[in-house]
């Protein structure tokens, strides 16, 4: 009996006495690899400095004013983590502007778009900001002729930023209520080779001033949806620069067939004057879009430098 027990004991110990078999290190989840690569890109972006001018072409289409086209000389300087911008209006609807009102015309474009969006990846994917969001790998797609991962960021319930308002109907009555759970903030498209940011789409939870826009439309009997997409098509020495931005506001009546009140003030430049009167008279209320597209061409770089030795200074 004792002999049998000793055999069983030694047999059980044999695997412990043999040399350990090398174990293959476990690879981190793919989302972690993507986020780490994107964080490294964001660090490079954060420490980069650049100065250049670009032609900014603004095209806004509304149902009332038709298409308006503006062309700006736009100078951007990034130093010490800050962005400085200056716009000078050069052409309006194809006609040269001899003496533009710089303040007035800068205000129109600046309130709709700022080149600070170029730094947005830092605040979305930078290592020091990850605690603000929940991240999920939501797919792959082609973007700017590149293969990209799509990573979607969700607002955490404890976020200090107010939740976006959503339209809900109870017993035939419509009202605005804060979104529940973890609404989407933004979807980011990350290059699968170098982890640079190719673009991103912002959802209501990530749009500054979104709740003001929604409230203003609601008080006029309208529902509004916002589309906000940014593309980073120019790659220069490891840094991607914005080349196109699309902002589309779509208004529709809360009650189909009704005539909403007039005089919308959505706190977005051009919307109030562009929409003016929605519905009323003989015209039935219908879906209305205010679409503004920013295109950036003819980048002219001056001196720029990067703290990353892997990338040479820009000249």
C-alpha atoms as a PDB file:
ATOM      1  CA  UNK A   1       0.000   0.000   0.000  1.00  0.00           C
ATOM      2  CA  UNK A   2       2.795   2.433   0.976  1.00  0.00           C
ATOM      3  CA  UNK A   3       4.797   1.494  -2.121  1.00  0.00           C
ATOM      4  CA  UNK A   4       1.812   2.202  -4.386  1.00  0.00           C
ATOM      5  CA  UNK A   5       1.209   5.584  -2.797  1.00  0.00           C
ATOM      6  CA  UNK A   6       4.906   6.530  -3.323  1.00  0.00           C
ATOM      7  CA  UNK A   7       4.689   5.578  -7.003  1.00  0.00           C
ATOM      8  CA  UNK A   8       1.639   7.798  -7.439  1.00  0.00           C
ATOM      9  CA  UNK A   9       3.378  10.644  -5.605  1.00  0.00           C
ATOM     10  CA  UNK A  10       6.563  10.493  -7.666  1.00  0.00           C
ATOM     11  CA  UNK A  11       4.583  10.158 -10.863  1.00  0.00           C
ATOM     12  CA  UNK A  12       2.723  13.341  -9.992  1.00  0.00           C
ATOM     13  CA  UNK A  13       6.019  15.139  -9.322  1.00  0.00           C
ATOM     14  CA  UNK A  14       7.699  14.145 -12.601  1.00  0.00           C
ATOM     15  CA  UNK A  15       6.252  17.090 -14.628  1.00  0.00           C
ATOM     16  CA  UNK A  16       7.515  19.486 -11.968  1.00  0.00           C
ATOM     17  CA  UNK A  17      11.056  18.067 -12.168  1.00  0.00           C
ATOM     18  CA  UNK A  18      11.334  18.224 -15.968  1.00  0.00           C
ATOM     19  CA  UNK A  19      12.738  21.371 -17.681  1.00  0.00           C
ATOM     20  CA  UNK A  20      10.023  23.926 -18.307  1.00  0.00           C
ATOM     21  CA  UNK A  21       8.732  24.109 -21.867  1.00  0.00           C
ATOM     22  CA  UNK A  22       9.067  27.652 -23.235  1.00  0.00           C
ATOM     23  CA  UNK A  23       5.653  29.271 -23.421  1.00  0.00           C
ATOM     24  CA  UNK A  24       4.764  31.657 -26.202  1.00  0.00           C
ATOM     25  CA  UNK A  25       4.116  35.110 -24.776  1.00  0.00           C
ATOM     26  CA  UNK A  26       0.472  36.077 -25.002  1.00  0.00           C
ATOM     27  CA  UNK A  27      -0.143  38.854 -27.462  1.00  0.00           C
ATOM     28  CA  UNK A  28      -2.156  41.824 -26.196  1.00  0.00           C
ATOM     29  CA  UNK A  29      -5.688  42.259 -27.557  1.00  0.00           C
ATOM     30  CA  UNK A  30      -5.743  43.928 -30.966  1.00  0.00           C
ATOM     31  CA  UNK A  31      -7.512  47.023 -29.618  1.00  0.00           C
ATOM     32  CA  UNK A  32      -4.648  47.555 -27.142  1.00  0.00           C
ATOM     33  CA  UNK A  33      -2.061  47.315 -29.928  1.00  0.00           C
ATOM     34  CA  UNK A  34      -4.013  49.822 -32.026  1.00  0.00           C
ATOM     35  CA  UNK A  35      -4.452  52.259 -29.140  1.00  0.00           C
ATOM     36  CA  UNK A  36      -0.776  52.051 -28.186  1.00  0.00           C
ATOM     37  CA  UNK A  37       0.258  52.742 -31.779  1.00  0.00           C
ATOM     38  CA  UNK A  38      -2.176  55.639 -32.029  1.00  0.00           C
ATOM     39  CA  UNK A  39      -0.932  57.037 -28.700  1.00  0.00           C
ATOM     40  CA  UNK A  40       2.628  57.058 -30.069  1.00  0.00           C
ATOM     41  CA  UNK A  41       1.406  58.973 -33.133  1.00  0.00           C
ATOM     42  CA  UNK A  42      -0.435  61.441 -30.892  1.00  0.00           C
ATOM     43  CA  UNK A  43       2.711  62.027 -28.870  1.00  0.00           C
ATOM     44  CA  UNK A  44       4.540  62.883 -32.086  1.00  0.00           C
ATOM     45  CA  UNK A  45       1.719  65.221 -33.086  1.00  0.00           C
ATOM     46  CA  UNK A  46       1.676  66.881 -29.679  1.00  0.00           C
ATOM     47  CA  UNK A  47       5.382  67.715 -29.806  1.00  0.00           C
ATOM     48  CA  UNK A  48       5.419  68.821 -33.436  1.00  0.00           C
ATOM     49  CA  UNK A  49       5.591  72.486 -34.404  1.00  0.00           C
ATOM     50  CA  UNK A  50       4.549  73.813 -37.793  1.00  0.00           C
ATOM     51  CA  UNK A  51       3.787  76.988 -39.696  1.00  0.00           C
ATOM     52  CA  UNK A  52       2.143  77.091 -43.096  1.00  0.00           C
ATOM     53  CA  UNK A  53      -0.477  78.788 -45.216  1.00  0.00           C
ATOM     54  CA  UNK A  54      -3.231  77.095 -47.146  1.00  0.00           C
ATOM     55  CA  UNK A  55      -6.164  78.038 -49.349  1.00  0.00           C
ATOM     56  CA  UNK A  56      -9.376  77.358 -47.452  1.00  0.00           C
ATOM     57  CA  UNK A  57     -12.348  76.844 -49.755  1.00  0.00           C
ATOM     58  CA  UNK A  58     -15.742  77.043 -48.058  1.00  0.00           C
ATOM     59  CA  UNK A  59     -18.873  75.898 -49.844  1.00  0.00           C
ATOM     60  CA  UNK A  60     -22.207  76.255 -48.047  1.00  0.00           C
ATOM     61  CA  UNK A  61     -25.474  75.081 -49.541  1.00  0.00           C
ATOM     62  CA  UNK A  62     -28.840  76.054 -48.088  1.00  0.00           C
ATOM     63  CA  UNK A  63     -32.391  75.803 -49.373  1.00  0.00           C
ATOM     64  CA  UNK A  64     -32.901  79.558 -49.352  1.00  0.00           C
ATOM     65  CA  UNK A  65     -29.607  81.135 -50.392  1.00  0.00           C
ATOM     66  CA  UNK A  66     -28.471  78.366 -52.693  1.00  0.00           C
ATOM     67  CA  UNK A  67     -24.705  77.895 -52.785  1.00  0.00           C
ATOM     68  CA  UNK A  68     -22.248  80.348 -51.280  1.00  0.00           C
ATOM     69  CA  UNK A  69     -18.542  79.994 -52.007  1.00  0.00           C
ATOM     70  CA  UNK A  70     -15.750  81.659 -50.051  1.00  0.00           C
ATOM     71  CA  UNK A  71     -11.980  81.374 -50.458  1.00  0.00           C
ATOM     72  CA  UNK A  72      -9.611  82.369 -47.652  1.00  0.00           C
ATOM     73  CA  UNK A  73      -5.892  82.697 -47.271  1.00  0.00           C
ATOM     74  CA  UNK A  74      -5.515  80.783 -44.040  1.00  0.00           C
ATOM     75  CA  UNK A  75      -2.351  80.812 -41.938  1.00  0.00           C
ATOM     76  CA  UNK A  76      -1.776  78.256 -39.191  1.00  0.00           C
ATOM     77  CA  UNK A  77       1.023  78.329 -36.636  1.00  0.00           C
ATOM     78  CA  UNK A  78       1.466  75.634 -33.977  1.00  0.00           C
ATOM     79  CA  UNK A  79       4.021  76.284 -31.269  1.00  0.00           C
ATOM     80  CA  UNK A  80       4.261  75.125 -27.659  1.00  0.00           C
ATOM     81  CA  UNK A  81       1.031  73.171 -27.968  1.00  0.00           C
ATOM     82  CA  UNK A  82      -1.040  76.174 -29.116  1.00  0.00           C
ATOM     83  CA  UNK A  83      -2.669  76.872 -32.473  1.00  0.00           C
ATOM     84  CA  UNK A  84      -2.797  80.409 -33.879  1.00  0.00           C
ATOM     85  CA  UNK A  85      -5.004  81.107 -36.900  1.00  0.00           C
ATOM     86  CA  UNK A  86      -5.558  83.989 -39.270  1.00  0.00           C
ATOM     87  CA  UNK A  87      -7.992  84.147 -42.181  1.00  0.00           C
ATOM     88  CA  UNK A  88      -8.186  86.721 -44.968  1.00  0.00           C
ATOM     89  CA  UNK A  89     -11.129  86.498 -47.337  1.00  0.00           C
ATOM     90  CA  UNK A  90      -9.929  86.581 -50.965  1.00  0.00           C
ATOM     91  CA  UNK A  91     -12.946  85.629 -53.063  1.00  0.00           C
ATOM     92  CA  UNK A  92     -16.708  85.486 -52.594  1.00  0.00           C
ATOM     93  CA  UNK A  93     -18.790  83.544 -55.122  1.00  0.00           C
ATOM     94  CA  UNK A  94     -15.975  83.751 -57.638  1.00  0.00           C
ATOM     95  CA  UNK A  95     -15.447  87.488 -57.292  1.00  0.00           C
ATOM     96  CA  UNK A  96     -12.284  88.969 -55.790  1.00  0.00           C
ATOM     97  CA  UNK A  97     -12.749  90.841 -52.529  1.00  0.00           C
ATOM     98  CA  UNK A  98     -10.830  94.122 -52.678  1.00  0.00           C
ATOM     99  CA  UNK A  99     -11.148  95.228 -49.046  1.00  0.00           C
ATOM    100  CA  UNK A 100     -12.599  92.408 -46.964  1.00  0.00           C
ATOM    101  CA  UNK A 101     -13.999  93.001 -43.519  1.00  0.00           C
ATOM    102  CA  UNK A 102     -11.526  90.683 -41.828  1.00  0.00           C
ATOM    103  CA  UNK A 103     -13.340  90.363 -38.491  1.00  0.00           C
ATOM    104  CA  UNK A 104     -16.755  89.662 -40.003  1.00  0.00           C
ATOM    105  CA  UNK A 105     -15.550  87.136 -42.525  1.00  0.00           C
ATOM    106  CA  UNK A 106     -13.200  85.358 -40.163  1.00  0.00           C
ATOM    107  CA  UNK A 107     -16.062  84.908 -37.727  1.00  0.00           C
ATOM    108  CA  UNK A 108     -18.205  82.985 -40.220  1.00  0.00           C
ATOM    109  CA  UNK A 109     -15.585  80.339 -40.943  1.00  0.00           C
ATOM    110  CA  UNK A 110     -13.914  80.299 -37.539  1.00  0.00           C
ATOM    111  CA  UNK A 111     -17.114  79.523 -35.648  1.00  0.00           C
ATOM    112  CA  UNK A 112     -17.804  76.589 -37.942  1.00  0.00           C
ATOM    113  CA  UNK A 113     -14.295  75.203 -38.140  1.00  0.00           C
ATOM    114  CA  UNK A 114     -10.966  75.703 -36.426  1.00  0.00           C
ATOM    115  CA  UNK A 115      -7.692  74.068 -37.365  1.00  0.00           C
ATOM    116  CA  UNK A 116      -7.533  72.984 -33.744  1.00  0.00           C
ATOM    117  CA  UNK A 117      -9.314  69.929 -35.124  1.00  0.00           C
ATOM    118  CA  UNK A 118      -5.839  68.946 -36.333  1.00  0.00           C
ATOM    119  CA  UNK A 119      -4.979  68.327 -32.682  1.00  0.00           C
ATOM    120  CA  UNK A 120      -8.181  66.425 -31.886  1.00  0.00           C
ATOM    121  CA  UNK A 121      -6.478  62.993 -32.098  1.00  0.00           C
ATOM    122  CA  UNK A 122      -4.410  63.947 -29.034  1.00  0.00           C
ATOM    123  CA  UNK A 123      -7.522  64.430 -26.904  1.00  0.00           C
ATOM    124  CA  UNK A 124      -9.189  61.322 -28.291  1.00  0.00           C
ATOM    125  CA  UNK A 125      -6.344  58.813 -28.413  1.00  0.00           C
ATOM    126  CA  UNK A 126      -3.505  60.295 -26.351  1.00  0.00           C
ATOM    127  CA  UNK A 127      -2.403  58.092 -23.482  1.00  0.00           C
ATOM    128  CA  UNK A 128      -3.254  60.738 -20.891  1.00  0.00           C
ATOM    129  CA  UNK A 129      -6.876  60.953 -22.059  1.00  0.00           C
ATOM    130  CA  UNK A 130      -7.855  57.293 -22.322  1.00  0.00           C
ATOM    131  CA  UNK A 131      -9.613  57.282 -18.963  1.00  0.00           C
ATOM    132  CA  UNK A 132     -12.299  59.571 -20.430  1.00  0.00           C
ATOM    133  CA  UNK A 133     -13.649  57.033 -22.913  1.00  0.00           C
ATOM    134  CA  UNK A 134     -14.479  53.403 -23.500  1.00  0.00           C
ATOM    135  CA  UNK A 135     -12.918  52.149 -26.735  1.00  0.00           C
ATOM    136  CA  UNK A 136     -14.176  49.469 -29.095  1.00  0.00           C
ATOM    137  CA  UNK A 137     -12.821  48.135 -32.375  1.00  0.00           C
ATOM    138  CA  UNK A 138     -15.840  48.462 -34.666  1.00  0.00           C
ATOM    139  CA  UNK A 139     -14.468  47.414 -38.031  1.00  0.00           C
ATOM    140  CA  UNK A 140     -12.125  47.946 -40.958  1.00  0.00           C
ATOM    141  CA  UNK A 141     -12.560  50.240 -43.926  1.00  0.00           C
ATOM    142  CA  UNK A 142     -10.794  51.960 -46.807  1.00  0.00           C
ATOM    143  CA  UNK A 143     -10.126  55.597 -46.090  1.00  0.00           C
ATOM    144  CA  UNK A 144      -8.135  57.948 -48.337  1.00  0.00           C
ATOM    145  CA  UNK A 145      -6.925  54.896 -50.295  1.00  0.00           C
ATOM    146  CA  UNK A 146      -5.514  53.419 -47.092  1.00  0.00           C
ATOM    147  CA  UNK A 147      -6.536  50.405 -45.048  1.00  0.00           C
ATOM    148  CA  UNK A 148      -7.799  51.569 -41.667  1.00  0.00           C
ATOM    149  CA  UNK A 149      -9.116  50.319 -38.364  1.00  0.00           C
ATOM    150  CA  UNK A 150     -12.298  51.962 -37.126  1.00  0.00           C
ATOM    151  CA  UNK A 151     -12.221  52.596 -33.387  1.00  0.00           C
ATOM    152  CA  UNK A 152     -15.320  54.032 -31.717  1.00  0.00           C
ATOM    153  CA  UNK A 153     -15.156  56.001 -28.487  1.00  0.00           C
ATOM    154  CA  UNK A 154     -18.045  55.952 -26.021  1.00  0.00           C
ATOM    155  CA  UNK A 155     -18.850  58.481 -23.310  1.00  0.00           C
ATOM    156  CA  UNK A 156     -18.411  57.095 -19.825  1.00  0.00           C
ATOM    157  CA  UNK A 157     -21.351  57.654 -17.432  1.00  0.00           C
ATOM    158  CA  UNK A 158     -19.124  59.551 -14.992  1.00  0.00           C
ATOM    159  CA  UNK A 159     -18.028  62.034 -17.664  1.00  0.00           C
ATOM    160  CA  UNK A 160     -18.352  65.674 -16.529  1.00  0.00           C
ATOM    161  CA  UNK A 161     -19.478  66.656 -20.036  1.00  0.00           C
ATOM    162  CA  UNK A 162     -23.307  66.819 -20.241  1.00  0.00           C
ATOM    163  CA  UNK A 163     -24.928  63.935 -22.099  1.00  0.00           C
ATOM    164  CA  UNK A 164     -26.380  64.865 -25.507  1.00  0.00           C
ATOM    165  CA  UNK A 165     -30.097  65.556 -25.653  1.00  0.00           C
ATOM    166  CA  UNK A 166     -32.255  63.130 -27.606  1.00  0.00           C
ATOM    167  CA  UNK A 167     -35.823  63.509 -28.784  1.00  0.00           C
ATOM    168  CA  UNK A 168     -38.333  61.187 -27.142  1.00  0.00           C
ATOM    169  CA  UNK A 169     -42.089  60.980 -27.460  1.00  0.00           C
ATOM    170  CA  UNK A 170     -44.419  60.046 -24.606  1.00  0.00           C
ATOM    171  CA  UNK A 171     -48.124  59.806 -25.266  1.00  0.00           C
ATOM    172  CA  UNK A 172     -47.851  61.809 -28.442  1.00  0.00           C
ATOM    173  CA  UNK A 173     -45.864  64.579 -26.740  1.00  0.00           C
ATOM    174  CA  UNK A 174     -42.257  65.149 -27.795  1.00  0.00           C
ATOM    175  CA  UNK A 175     -39.554  66.205 -25.369  1.00  0.00           C
ATOM    176  CA  UNK A 176     -35.780  66.382 -24.998  1.00  0.00           C
ATOM    177  CA  UNK A 177     -34.017  64.087 -22.544  1.00  0.00           C
ATOM    178  CA  UNK A 178     -30.343  63.310 -21.823  1.00  0.00           C
ATOM    179  CA  UNK A 179     -29.095  60.219 -23.615  1.00  0.00           C
ATOM    180  CA  UNK A 180     -28.749  57.190 -21.379  1.00  0.00           C
ATOM    181  CA  UNK A 181     -25.916  54.705 -21.109  1.00  0.00           C
ATOM    182  CA  UNK A 182     -22.698  55.282 -23.034  1.00  0.00           C
ATOM    183  CA  UNK A 183     -23.496  57.188 -26.243  1.00  0.00           C
ATOM    184  CA  UNK A 184     -20.967  57.276 -29.064  1.00  0.00           C
ATOM    185  CA  UNK A 185     -18.608  60.237 -29.009  1.00  0.00           C
ATOM    186  CA  UNK A 186     -16.571  59.738 -32.167  1.00  0.00           C
ATOM    187  CA  UNK A 187     -15.391  57.083 -34.620  1.00  0.00           C
ATOM    188  CA  UNK A 188     -11.720  57.374 -35.571  1.00  0.00           C
ATOM    189  CA  UNK A 189     -10.088  55.811 -38.635  1.00  0.00           C
ATOM    190  CA  UNK A 190      -6.524  54.709 -37.826  1.00  0.00           C
ATOM    191  CA  UNK A 191      -4.022  53.692 -40.495  1.00  0.00           C
ATOM    192  CA  UNK A 192      -3.225  49.991 -40.143  1.00  0.00           C
ATOM    193  CA  UNK A 193       0.443  50.503 -41.033  1.00  0.00           C
ATOM    194  CA  UNK A 194       1.672  53.613 -39.228  1.00  0.00           C
ATOM    195  CA  UNK A 195      -1.257  54.225 -36.794  1.00  0.00           C
ATOM    196  CA  UNK A 196      -1.700  57.800 -37.992  1.00  0.00           C
ATOM    197  CA  UNK A 197      -5.218  59.243 -37.899  1.00  0.00           C
ATOM    198  CA  UNK A 198      -6.841  59.334 -41.339  1.00  0.00           C
ATOM    199  CA  UNK A 199     -10.036  60.973 -40.165  1.00  0.00           C
ATOM    200  CA  UNK A 200     -12.891  60.875 -37.687  1.00  0.00           C
ATOM    201  CA  UNK A 201     -16.635  61.372 -37.430  1.00  0.00           C
ATOM    202  CA  UNK A 202     -18.046  63.214 -34.429  1.00  0.00           C
ATOM    203  CA  UNK A 203     -21.396  62.168 -32.946  1.00  0.00           C
ATOM    204  CA  UNK A 204     -23.693  64.365 -30.812  1.00  0.00           C
ATOM    205  CA  UNK A 205     -21.930  63.424 -27.561  1.00  0.00           C
ATOM    206  CA  UNK A 206     -18.725  64.917 -28.946  1.00  0.00           C
ATOM    207  CA  UNK A 207     -20.029  68.079 -30.619  1.00  0.00           C
ATOM    208  CA  UNK A 208     -19.431  71.259 -28.660  1.00  0.00           C
ATOM    209  CA  UNK A 209     -22.651  73.239 -28.310  1.00  0.00           C
ATOM    210  CA  UNK A 210     -24.790  70.412 -29.656  1.00  0.00           C
ATOM    211  CA  UNK A 211     -27.428  70.737 -26.938  1.00  0.00           C
ATOM    212  CA  UNK A 212     -27.885  74.450 -27.731  1.00  0.00           C
ATOM    213  CA  UNK A 213     -28.488  73.596 -31.380  1.00  0.00           C
ATOM    214  CA  UNK A 214     -31.019  70.897 -30.468  1.00  0.00           C
ATOM    215  CA  UNK A 215     -32.903  73.139 -28.017  1.00  0.00           C
ATOM    216  CA  UNK A 216     -33.090  76.043 -30.462  1.00  0.00           C
ATOM    217  CA  UNK A 217     -34.490  73.789 -33.191  1.00  0.00           C
ATOM    218  CA  UNK A 218     -36.928  72.074 -30.804  1.00  0.00           C
ATOM    219  CA  UNK A 219     -38.397  75.401 -29.694  1.00  0.00           C
ATOM    220  CA  UNK A 220     -39.147  76.107 -33.365  1.00  0.00           C
ATOM    221  CA  UNK A 221     -40.876  72.782 -33.870  1.00  0.00           C
ATOM    222  CA  UNK A 222     -37.908  71.149 -35.553  1.00  0.00           C
ATOM    223  CA  UNK A 223     -35.678  68.148 -35.055  1.00  0.00           C
ATOM    224  CA  UNK A 224     -32.038  68.525 -36.081  1.00  0.00           C
ATOM    225  CA  UNK A 225     -29.373  65.979 -36.948  1.00  0.00           C
ATOM    226  CA  UNK A 226     -25.701  66.892 -37.279  1.00  0.00           C
ATOM    227  CA  UNK A 227     -23.055  65.220 -39.432  1.00  0.00           C
ATOM    228  CA  UNK A 228     -19.473  66.270 -38.655  1.00  0.00           C
ATOM    229  CA  UNK A 229     -16.609  64.504 -40.485  1.00  0.00           C
ATOM    230  CA  UNK A 230     -12.910  65.394 -40.768  1.00  0.00           C
ATOM    231  CA  UNK A 231     -10.350  63.953 -43.201  1.00  0.00           C
ATOM    232  CA  UNK A 232      -6.549  64.112 -42.815  1.00  0.00           C
ATOM    233  CA  UNK A 233      -5.312  63.546 -46.343  1.00  0.00           C
ATOM    234  CA  UNK A 234      -1.888  65.229 -46.314  1.00  0.00           C
ATOM    235  CA  UNK A 235       0.996  63.254 -44.788  1.00  0.00           C
ATOM    236  CA  UNK A 236       4.245  65.136 -44.232  1.00  0.00           C
ATOM    237  CA  UNK A 237       7.151  63.764 -42.197  1.00  0.00           C
ATOM    238  CA  UNK A 238       4.999  61.526 -40.045  1.00  0.00           C
ATOM    239  CA  UNK A 239       2.230  64.068 -39.340  1.00  0.00           C
ATOM    240  CA  UNK A 240      -1.179  64.161 -41.027  1.00  0.00           C
ATOM    241  CA  UNK A 241      -2.898  67.465 -41.761  1.00  0.00           C
ATOM    242  CA  UNK A 242      -6.634  68.096 -42.358  1.00  0.00           C
ATOM    243  CA  UNK A 243      -7.641  68.395 -46.009  1.00  0.00           C
ATOM    244  CA  UNK A 244     -11.437  68.312 -45.825  1.00  0.00           C
ATOM    245  CA  UNK A 245     -14.215  68.864 -43.288  1.00  0.00           C
ATOM    246  CA  UNK A 246     -17.940  68.283 -43.824  1.00  0.00           C
ATOM    247  CA  UNK A 247     -20.596  69.728 -41.511  1.00  0.00           C
ATOM    248  CA  UNK A 248     -24.231  69.021 -42.378  1.00  0.00           C
ATOM    249  CA  UNK A 249     -27.255  70.078 -40.323  1.00  0.00           C
ATOM    250  CA  UNK A 250     -30.510  68.413 -41.338  1.00  0.00           C
ATOM    251  CA  UNK A 251     -33.762  69.945 -40.046  1.00  0.00           C
ATOM    252  CA  UNK A 252     -37.145  68.224 -40.186  1.00  0.00           C
ATOM    253  CA  UNK A 253     -40.499  69.102 -38.581  1.00  0.00           C
ATOM    254  CA  UNK A 254     -41.432  67.342 -35.352  1.00  0.00           C
ATOM    255  CA  UNK A 255     -44.964  66.913 -36.706  1.00  0.00           C
ATOM    256  CA  UNK A 256     -45.024  66.022 -40.417  1.00  0.00           C
ATOM    257  CA  UNK A 257     -47.268  68.339 -42.377  1.00  0.00           C
ATOM    258  CA  UNK A 258     -47.061  71.123 -39.825  1.00  0.00           C
ATOM    259  CA  UNK A 259     -45.578  74.563 -40.347  1.00  0.00           C
ATOM    260  CA  UNK A 260     -42.874  75.206 -37.737  1.00  0.00           C
ATOM    261  CA  UNK A 261     -42.339  78.662 -36.316  1.00  0.00           C
ATOM    262  CA  UNK A 262     -40.030  80.977 -38.212  1.00  0.00           C
ATOM    263  CA  UNK A 263     -36.693  82.498 -37.352  1.00  0.00           C
ATOM    264  CA  UNK A 264     -34.449  79.599 -36.376  1.00  0.00           C
ATOM    265  CA  UNK A 265     -31.458  80.559 -34.272  1.00  0.00           C
ATOM    266  CA  UNK A 266     -29.290  77.492 -33.909  1.00  0.00           C
ATOM    267  CA  UNK A 267     -26.116  79.251 -32.784  1.00  0.00           C
ATOM    268  CA  UNK A 268     -24.406  78.113 -35.976  1.00  0.00           C
ATOM    269  CA  UNK A 269     -23.300  80.901 -38.356  1.00  0.00           C
ATOM    270  CA  UNK A 270     -25.390  81.182 -41.464  1.00  0.00           C
ATOM    271  CA  UNK A 271     -28.154  78.867 -40.290  1.00  0.00           C
ATOM    272  CA  UNK A 272     -30.580  81.533 -39.092  1.00  0.00           C
ATOM    273  CA  UNK A 273     -30.257  83.701 -42.198  1.00  0.00           C
ATOM    274  CA  UNK A 274     -30.054  80.683 -44.498  1.00  0.00           C
ATOM    275  CA  UNK A 275     -33.174  78.952 -43.220  1.00  0.00           C
ATOM    276  CA  UNK A 276     -35.077  82.117 -42.497  1.00  0.00           C
ATOM    277  CA  UNK A 277     -38.601  80.829 -42.904  1.00  0.00           C
ATOM    278  CA  UNK A 278     -39.275  77.097 -42.750  1.00  0.00           C
ATOM    279  CA  UNK A 279     -42.720  76.050 -43.866  1.00  0.00           C
ATOM    280  CA  UNK A 280     -45.544  78.542 -43.741  1.00  0.00           C
ATOM    281  CA  UNK A 281     -47.526  79.945 -46.664  1.00  0.00           C
ATOM    282  CA  UNK A 282     -48.338  77.421 -49.338  1.00  0.00           C
ATOM    283  CA  UNK A 283     -45.152  75.476 -48.894  1.00  0.00           C
ATOM    284  CA  UNK A 284     -45.387  72.438 -46.670  1.00  0.00           C
ATOM    285  CA  UNK A 285     -42.575  71.952 -44.192  1.00  0.00           C
ATOM    286  CA  UNK A 286     -39.985  69.435 -45.387  1.00  0.00           C
ATOM    287  CA  UNK A 287     -36.484  68.269 -44.611  1.00  0.00           C
ATOM    288  CA  UNK A 288     -33.942  71.044 -44.986  1.00  0.00           C
ATOM    289  CA  UNK A 289     -30.164  70.717 -45.072  1.00  0.00           C
ATOM    290  CA  UNK A 290     -27.480  73.256 -44.399  1.00  0.00           C
ATOM    291  CA  UNK A 291     -24.264  71.716 -45.711  1.00  0.00           C
ATOM    292  CA  UNK A 292     -20.861  73.345 -45.298  1.00  0.00           C
ATOM    293  CA  UNK A 293     -17.713  71.809 -46.778  1.00  0.00           C
ATOM    294  CA  UNK A 294     -14.186  73.044 -46.056  1.00  0.00           C
ATOM    295  CA  UNK A 295     -11.452  71.987 -48.485  1.00  0.00           C
ATOM    296  CA  UNK A 296      -7.749  72.739 -47.931  1.00  0.00           C
ATOM    297  CA  UNK A 297      -5.349  72.945 -50.893  1.00  0.00           C
ATOM    298  CA  UNK A 298      -1.977  74.466 -51.805  1.00  0.00           C
ATOM    299  CA  UNK A 299      -0.273  73.927 -48.467  1.00  0.00           C
ATOM    300  CA  UNK A 300       2.862  76.072 -48.261  1.00  0.00           C
ATOM    301  CA  UNK A 301       5.068  75.037 -45.365  1.00  0.00           C
ATOM    302  CA  UNK A 302       7.604  77.294 -43.724  1.00  0.00           C
ATOM    303  CA  UNK A 303       9.695  76.229 -40.745  1.00  0.00           C
ATOM    304  CA  UNK A 304       8.404  73.435 -38.588  1.00  0.00           C
ATOM    305  CA  UNK A 305      10.158  71.181 -36.153  1.00  0.00           C
ATOM    306  CA  UNK A 306       9.485  67.983 -34.291  1.00  0.00           C
ATOM    307  CA  UNK A 307      10.794  66.793 -30.954  1.00  0.00           C
ATOM    308  CA  UNK A 308      10.860  63.258 -32.331  1.00  0.00           C
ATOM    309  CA  UNK A 309      14.381  62.520 -33.709  1.00  0.00           C
ATOM    310  CA  UNK A 310      12.950  59.874 -36.033  1.00  0.00           C
ATOM    311  CA  UNK A 311      11.365  62.605 -38.133  1.00  0.00           C
ATOM    312  CA  UNK A 312      13.430  65.413 -39.670  1.00  0.00           C
ATOM    313  CA  UNK A 313      12.536  69.062 -39.379  1.00  0.00           C
ATOM    314  CA  UNK A 314      10.152  70.437 -41.948  1.00  0.00           C
ATOM    315  CA  UNK A 315      11.512  73.098 -44.255  1.00  0.00           C
END
